[in-house]
Amino acid sequence: MTSRTHHMIRSQDECTCKRCHFKRNQVGTVSMVLPAKSVICMRSHVATFSMEDTTTIIALAIFLAGLAMLLFVCFSASIPGKSDTNSFNKILNLLGKTSRKIFSWKIFLISKSIVFDVLLQRRLYRRSRARWLIHSLIFVPFVFRFSWWIVALAASVWKPEWPAIWFMLDKSHSATAFLFDLTGIIIITGIPLACTRGVLKGSVQLRGLPGQDRLALGLVAGIVVVGFILAGTPIAMTAWRDEAEYAVAGYLISMLFSDSNLLA
């Protein structure tokens, strides 16, 4: 069933809305609204520094616990020549060395390494171009989405009156919908290729590089697929906007939940 926009006059309370928007209704309308994108969504969506829903709080707690365990392992090591140094002094030593590197000419070498070795994965490219390409299909879309969020957030805070920036914050805008769906499709393309390559060349392990984490690949694929479904369902349950077809994957999924014959 497809529900079209009803063009009702908006009231000040929710009594009128509850006539249709309740659990197990017969109209096909939603009974709840997803929470706003929070801090854990920043890696791939335009989000805010908020954590009001239970899912975000639990996920953030797990992340912080893992980070604390990692730091515990890191600071359990000793500093050369200072075997009796406590954790507090280790932190001060680390901060001091980091600040000296940042405020020196070596910052240019560090920046160069971040661009070529982290973002462009130069070392992986030199060792295996096929693996670099497959990894880029998964990694680069996340970099693009995160960069999109950084630019949109900074511009909206620095110059909110600039109208050219607000399309980046509108997930329904044609450019935003197309680019975010395109990056999701690229990720979904890269994951099967990575799994296939892992099966075909499972016995070949490049020295100095980690093995394939199929659980992580499965989680990433599941997140992207759920994202497509969450994008397509509202399109099917409301009117198709003129820009809806630019969200390619979401638009096609919306047809599966509607009475459209366009997929036939």
Foldseek 3Di string as FASTA:
>chain_A
DFAADPPDDDDPDCPVVVVAQDPPGPPLDHNDDDDFDEPVCLLFAQGYPDDDDPVSVVVVVVVVVVVVVVVVVVQVDADVPGRPDDSVVVVVVVVVVVVVCCPDPVVVVVVVCCVCCPQQVPVVCVVDVLVSVLVCLQPVNSVVRNVLNVVLVVCCVVPVVPVVSCLSVDCLRLVNLQSSLVSLVSNLVSLVVVVVVCVVPVVDDDPPDDHDDNVVSVVSNVVSVVVLLVLQCVCRHYPNDPSNCSNPSSVVNVCVVHPDPPVD
